[in-house]
C-alpha atoms as a PDB file:
ATOM      1  CA  MET A   1      68.061 103.585 -63.118  1.00  0.00           C
ATOM      2  CA  LYS A   2      69.925 101.120 -60.877  1.00  0.00           C
ATOM      3  CA  LYS A   3      66.963 101.157 -58.489  1.00  0.00           C
ATOM      4  CA  LEU A   4      64.689 100.244 -61.409  1.00  0.00           C
ATOM      5  CA  ILE A   5      66.940  97.434 -62.516  1.00  0.00           C
ATOM      6  CA  LEU A   6      67.105  95.870 -59.024  1.00  0.00           C
ATOM      7  CA  SER A   7      63.328  95.994 -58.692  1.00  0.00           C
ATOM      8  CA  VAL A   8      62.856  94.464 -62.123  1.00  0.00           C
ATOM      9  CA  MET A   9      65.147  91.535 -61.359  1.00  0.00           C
ATOM     10  CA  ALA A  10      63.324  90.877 -58.081  1.00  0.00           C
ATOM     11  CA  ALA A  11      60.136  90.670 -60.067  1.00  0.00           C
ATOM     12  CA  LEU A  12      61.500  88.864 -63.114  1.00  0.00           C
ATOM     13  CA  MET A  13      60.406  85.357 -62.231  1.00  0.00           C
ATOM     14  CA  ILE A  14      58.045  85.637 -59.314  1.00  0.00           C
ATOM     15  CA  LEU A  15      55.377  88.330 -59.410  1.00  0.00           C
ATOM     16  CA  PRO A  16      51.784  88.354 -58.171  1.00  0.00           C
ATOM     17  CA  ALA A  17      49.753  86.824 -60.989  1.00  0.00           C
ATOM     18  CA  ALA A  18      46.177  87.419 -62.079  1.00  0.00           C
ATOM     19  CA  THR A  19      43.963  84.837 -60.415  1.00  0.00           C
ATOM     20  CA  ALA A  20      40.452  83.585 -60.959  1.00  0.00           C
ATOM     21  CA  PHE A  21      37.833  83.057 -58.264  1.00  0.00           C
ATOM     22  CA  ALA A  22      37.465  79.491 -57.084  1.00  0.00           C
ATOM     23  CA  ALA A  23      34.666  77.904 -55.139  1.00  0.00           C
ATOM     24  CA  PRO A  24      35.511  77.580 -51.437  1.00  0.00           C
ATOM     25  CA  GLN A  25      36.416  74.103 -50.277  1.00  0.00           C
ATOM     26  CA  ALA A  26      35.916  72.634 -46.845  1.00  0.00           C
ATOM     27  CA  VAL A  27      39.279  70.821 -46.867  1.00  0.00           C
ATOM     28  CA  THR A  28      42.276  72.336 -48.619  1.00  0.00           C
ATOM     29  CA  VAL A  29      45.000  69.958 -49.734  1.00  0.00           C
ATOM     30  CA  GLU A  30      48.231  71.632 -50.757  1.00  0.00           C
ATOM     31  CA  LYS A  31      49.994  70.122 -53.737  1.00  0.00           C
ATOM     32  CA  SER A  32      53.242  71.171 -55.325  1.00  0.00           C
ATOM     33  CA  GLY A  33      53.072  72.835 -58.723  1.00  0.00           C
ATOM     34  CA  PRO A  34      55.368  72.970 -61.758  1.00  0.00           C
ATOM     35  CA  TYR A  35      57.366  75.941 -60.425  1.00  0.00           C
ATOM     36  CA  GLU A  36      58.508  73.837 -57.461  1.00  0.00           C
ATOM     37  CA  GLY A  37      62.265  73.249 -57.280  1.00  0.00           C
ATOM     38  CA  THR A  38      65.625  74.702 -58.189  1.00  0.00           C
ATOM     39  CA  PHE A  39      66.201  76.164 -61.649  1.00  0.00           C
ATOM     40  CA  HIS A  40      69.412  77.508 -63.182  1.00  0.00           C
ATOM     41  CA  GLY A  41      69.882  79.372 -66.424  1.00  0.00           C
ATOM     42  CA  VAL A  42      70.579  82.677 -68.077  1.00  0.00           C
ATOM     43  CA  VAL A  43      68.775  86.008 -68.363  1.00  0.00           C
ATOM     44  CA  TYR A  44      69.429  88.088 -71.482  1.00  0.00           C
ATOM     45  CA  GLY A  45      69.402  91.878 -71.657  1.00  0.00           C
ATOM     46  CA  ASP A  46      70.533  94.623 -73.998  1.00  0.00           C
ATOM     47  CA  ASN A  47      73.769  94.908 -76.026  1.00  0.00           C
ATOM     48  CA  GLY A  48      74.131  91.120 -76.104  1.00  0.00           C
ATOM     49  CA  SER A  49      74.497  91.009 -72.335  1.00  0.00           C
ATOM     50  CA  SER A  50      73.523  88.112 -70.112  1.00  0.00           C
ATOM     51  CA  ALA A  51      73.907  86.927 -66.548  1.00  0.00           C
ATOM     52  CA  PRO A  52      73.538  83.624 -64.731  1.00  0.00           C
ATOM     53  CA  LEU A  53      70.207  83.267 -62.953  1.00  0.00           C
ATOM     54  CA  SER A  54      69.159  80.803 -60.261  1.00  0.00           C
ATOM     55  CA  LEU A  55      65.725  80.261 -58.737  1.00  0.00           C
ATOM     56  CA  GLN A  56      64.857  78.303 -55.605  1.00  0.00           C
ATOM     57  CA  LEU A  57      61.055  77.998 -55.629  1.00  0.00           C
ATOM     58  CA  THR A  58      58.226  76.509 -53.607  1.00  0.00           C
ATOM     59  CA  HIS A  59      54.913  76.132 -55.464  1.00  0.00           C
ATOM     60  CA  ARG A  60      51.957  74.990 -53.340  1.00  0.00           C
ATOM     61  CA  ASP A  61      48.506  75.158 -54.921  1.00  0.00           C
ATOM     62  CA  ASP A  62      48.540  78.666 -56.481  1.00  0.00           C
ATOM     63  CA  ASP A  63      51.231  80.150 -54.200  1.00  0.00           C
ATOM     64  CA  VAL A  64      54.814  80.530 -55.442  1.00  0.00           C
ATOM     65  CA  GLN A  65      57.580  81.699 -53.113  1.00  0.00           C
ATOM     66  CA  GLY A  66      61.298  81.732 -53.374  1.00  0.00           C
ATOM     67  CA  SER A  67      64.579  83.416 -54.055  1.00  0.00           C
ATOM     68  CA  LEU A  68      66.174  84.709 -57.240  1.00  0.00           C
ATOM     69  CA  ALA A  69      69.970  84.985 -57.471  1.00  0.00           C
ATOM     70  CA  ILE A  70      71.455  86.870 -60.400  1.00  0.00           C
ATOM     71  CA  GLY A  71      75.112  87.042 -61.340  1.00  0.00           C
ATOM     72  CA  SER A  72      76.936  89.928 -62.985  1.00  0.00           C
ATOM     73  CA  GLY A  73      76.895  90.917 -66.647  1.00  0.00           C
ATOM     74  CA  LEU A  74      73.286  91.912 -67.390  1.00  0.00           C
ATOM     75  CA  TYR A  75      72.851  95.344 -69.004  1.00  0.00           C
ATOM     76  CA  VAL A  76      69.484  97.083 -69.417  1.00  0.00           C
ATOM     77  CA  LYS A  77      69.083 100.137 -71.664  1.00  0.00           C
ATOM     78  CA  GLY A  78      66.136 102.504 -71.250  1.00  0.00           C
ATOM     79  CA  GLY A  79      66.518 104.622 -74.393  1.00  0.00           C
ATOM     80  CA  VAL A  80      67.290 108.273 -73.663  1.00  0.00           C
ATOM     81  CA  CYS A  81      66.703 107.539 -69.963  1.00  0.00           C
ATOM     82  CA  GLY A  82      70.038 105.725 -69.855  1.00  0.00           C
ATOM     83  CA  GLY A  83      71.120 102.236 -68.989  1.00  0.00           C
ATOM     84  CA  ALA A  84      72.926 100.321 -66.286  1.00  0.00           C
ATOM     85  CA  TYR A  85      74.490  96.996 -65.421  1.00  0.00           C
ATOM     86  CA  VAL A  86      72.381  95.043 -62.962  1.00  0.00           C
ATOM     87  CA  PRO A  87      74.378  94.317 -59.812  1.00  0.00           C
ATOM     88  CA  SER A  88      74.561  90.688 -58.724  1.00  0.00           C
ATOM     89  CA  GLY A  89      72.533  89.707 -55.692  1.00  0.00           C
ATOM     90  CA  VAL A  90      69.644  87.774 -54.213  1.00  0.00           C
ATOM     91  CA  GLN A  91      66.001  88.852 -53.956  1.00  0.00           C
ATOM     92  CA  TYR A  92      63.018  87.163 -52.285  1.00  0.00           C
ATOM     93  CA  ALA A  93      59.486  87.324 -53.589  1.00  0.00           C
ATOM     94  CA  SER A  94      56.143  85.549 -53.736  1.00  0.00           C
ATOM     95  CA  GLY A  95      53.210  85.419 -56.096  1.00  0.00           C
ATOM     96  CA  LYS A  96      50.394  83.331 -57.509  1.00  0.00           C
ATOM     97  CA  THR A  97      49.809  81.322 -60.648  1.00  0.00           C
ATOM     98  CA  ASP A  98      46.524  81.206 -62.493  1.00  0.00           C
ATOM     99  CA  PRO A  99      44.575  78.338 -60.867  1.00  0.00           C
ATOM    100  CA  ARG A 100      43.278  77.244 -64.294  1.00  0.00           C
ATOM    101  CA  ASP A 101      46.793  76.789 -65.719  1.00  0.00           C
ATOM    102  CA  SER A 102      49.515  76.482 -63.116  1.00  0.00           C
ATOM    103  CA  SER A 103      52.213  76.241 -65.806  1.00  0.00           C
ATOM    104  CA  HIS A 104      51.505  79.755 -67.110  1.00  0.00           C
ATOM    105  CA  LEU A 105      52.219  82.896 -65.132  1.00  0.00           C
ATOM    106  CA  VAL A 106      50.992  86.292 -66.315  1.00  0.00           C
ATOM    107  CA  ALA A 107      51.773  89.046 -63.862  1.00  0.00           C
ATOM    108  CA  SER A 108      52.457  92.730 -63.489  1.00  0.00           C
ATOM    109  CA  ALA A 109      53.776  94.984 -60.788  1.00  0.00           C
ATOM    110  CA  LYS A 110      54.458  98.680 -60.378  1.00  0.00           C
ATOM    111  CA  VAL A 111      57.896  99.836 -59.324  1.00  0.00           C
ATOM    112  CA  ASP A 112      58.534 103.410 -58.159  1.00  0.00           C
ATOM    113  CA  VAL A 113      61.708 104.820 -59.715  1.00  0.00           C
ATOM    114  CA  ASP A 114      62.474 108.465 -59.095  1.00  0.00           C
ATOM    115  CA  ARG A 115      58.750 109.299 -58.725  1.00  0.00           C
ATOM    116  CA  PHE A 116      57.791 107.415 -61.893  1.00  0.00           C
ATOM    117  CA  ASP A 117      55.567 104.339 -61.745  1.00  0.00           C
ATOM    118  CA  ILE A 118      57.198 101.722 -63.956  1.00  0.00           C
ATOM    119  CA  THR A 119      55.073  98.700 -64.814  1.00  0.00           C
ATOM    120  CA  VAL A 120      56.843  95.378 -65.164  1.00  0.00           C
ATOM    121  CA  ARG A 121      54.878  92.799 -67.188  1.00  0.00           C
ATOM    122  CA  LEU A 122      55.941  89.189 -66.865  1.00  0.00           C
ATOM    123  CA  GLU A 123      54.920  86.108 -68.810  1.00  0.00           C
ATOM    124  CA  SER A 124      56.362  82.744 -67.875  1.00  0.00           C
ATOM    125  CA  ASP A 125      55.714  79.183 -68.958  1.00  0.00           C
ATOM    126  CA  VAL A 126      56.928  75.889 -67.556  1.00  0.00           C
ATOM    127  CA  SER A 127      57.413  73.100 -70.097  1.00  0.00           C
ATOM    128  CA  PRO A 128      55.040  70.106 -69.959  1.00  0.00           C
ATOM    129  CA  SER A 129      57.866  68.042 -68.425  1.00  0.00           C
ATOM    130  CA  GLY A 130      58.337  70.749 -65.746  1.00  0.00           C
ATOM    131  CA  ASP A 131      62.041  70.953 -66.504  1.00  0.00           C
ATOM    132  CA  VAL A 132      62.285  74.298 -68.363  1.00  0.00           C
ATOM    133  CA  ILE A 133      60.996  77.801 -67.563  1.00  0.00           C
ATOM    134  CA  GLN A 134      60.808  80.375 -70.369  1.00  0.00           C
ATOM    135  CA  ALA A 135      60.194  83.907 -69.095  1.00  0.00           C
ATOM    136  CA  LYS A 136      59.918  87.366 -70.591  1.00  0.00           C
ATOM    137  CA  ALA A 137      59.727  90.613 -68.604  1.00  0.00           C
ATOM    138  CA  LYS A 138      58.854  93.909 -70.273  1.00  0.00           C
ATOM    139  CA  LEU A 139      59.534  97.238 -68.525  1.00  0.00           C
ATOM    140  CA  ASP A 140      56.954  99.858 -69.404  1.00  0.00           C
ATOM    141  CA  LEU A 141      59.100 103.007 -69.158  1.00  0.00           C
ATOM    142  CA  PRO A 142      57.755 106.565 -69.573  1.00  0.00           C
ATOM    143  CA  TRP A 143      57.109 107.499 -73.213  1.00  0.00           C
ATOM    144  CA  PHE A 144      59.961 110.000 -73.305  1.00  0.00           C
ATOM    145  CA  CYS A 145      62.549 107.219 -72.726  1.00  0.00           C
ATOM    146  CA  GLY A 146      61.836 106.000 -76.246  1.00  0.00           C
ATOM    147  CA  ARG A 147      61.863 102.261 -75.599  1.00  0.00           C
ATOM    148  CA  ASP A 148      60.613  99.575 -73.262  1.00  0.00           C
ATOM    149  CA  PRO A 149      63.372  97.074 -72.403  1.00  0.00           C
ATOM    150  CA  VAL A 150      62.583  93.353 -72.579  1.00  0.00           C
ATOM    151  CA  LEU A 151      64.461  90.728 -70.583  1.00  0.00           C
ATOM    152  CA  ASP A 152      64.340  87.053 -71.609  1.00  0.00           C
ATOM    153  CA  ALA A 153      65.303  84.121 -69.417  1.00  0.00           C
ATOM    154  CA  THR A 154      65.598  80.378 -69.901  1.00  0.00           C
ATOM    155  CA  LEU A 155      66.021  78.208 -66.814  1.00  0.00           C
ATOM    156  CA  TYR A 156      66.451  74.460 -66.401  1.00  0.00           C
ATOM    157  CA  ARG A 157      65.458  72.306 -63.439  1.00  0.00           C
ATOM    158  CA  SER A 158      68.518  71.138 -61.528  1.00  0.00           C
ATOM    159  CA  ASN A 159      66.918  68.816 -58.995  1.00  0.00           C
END
């Protein structure tokens, strides 16, 4: 379960997103997007738990890259499959936003945990001002676990 939790946190804010096809352009000009910058906030889990969360992101055109640092205190419960506290640490990841709406990220990824494919579904929105990220990650656990945990996060731009 700890392996699942670590993988989920790595994917919480920055996962490969569904993208649309765009017409090729002769000259590509990179521009920063709304996920660009440093964000700090809190991620909420089960049993009233939470942990500090920090993102350092680069958003150029549709590409988002960066690091996610999570503090201690977040608990995730997977029904009869058990639960665990997420250890603090830093993860690196990259992904893409939808080119039609760079403020909205819809993504999913599969994580292998003890020979089970766990799907993590993420939805994230940046406020029109670009100062707040609201994110929700749902873990699609096997049916016999009895529940699919949902993690919520709110982050605020700090630069």
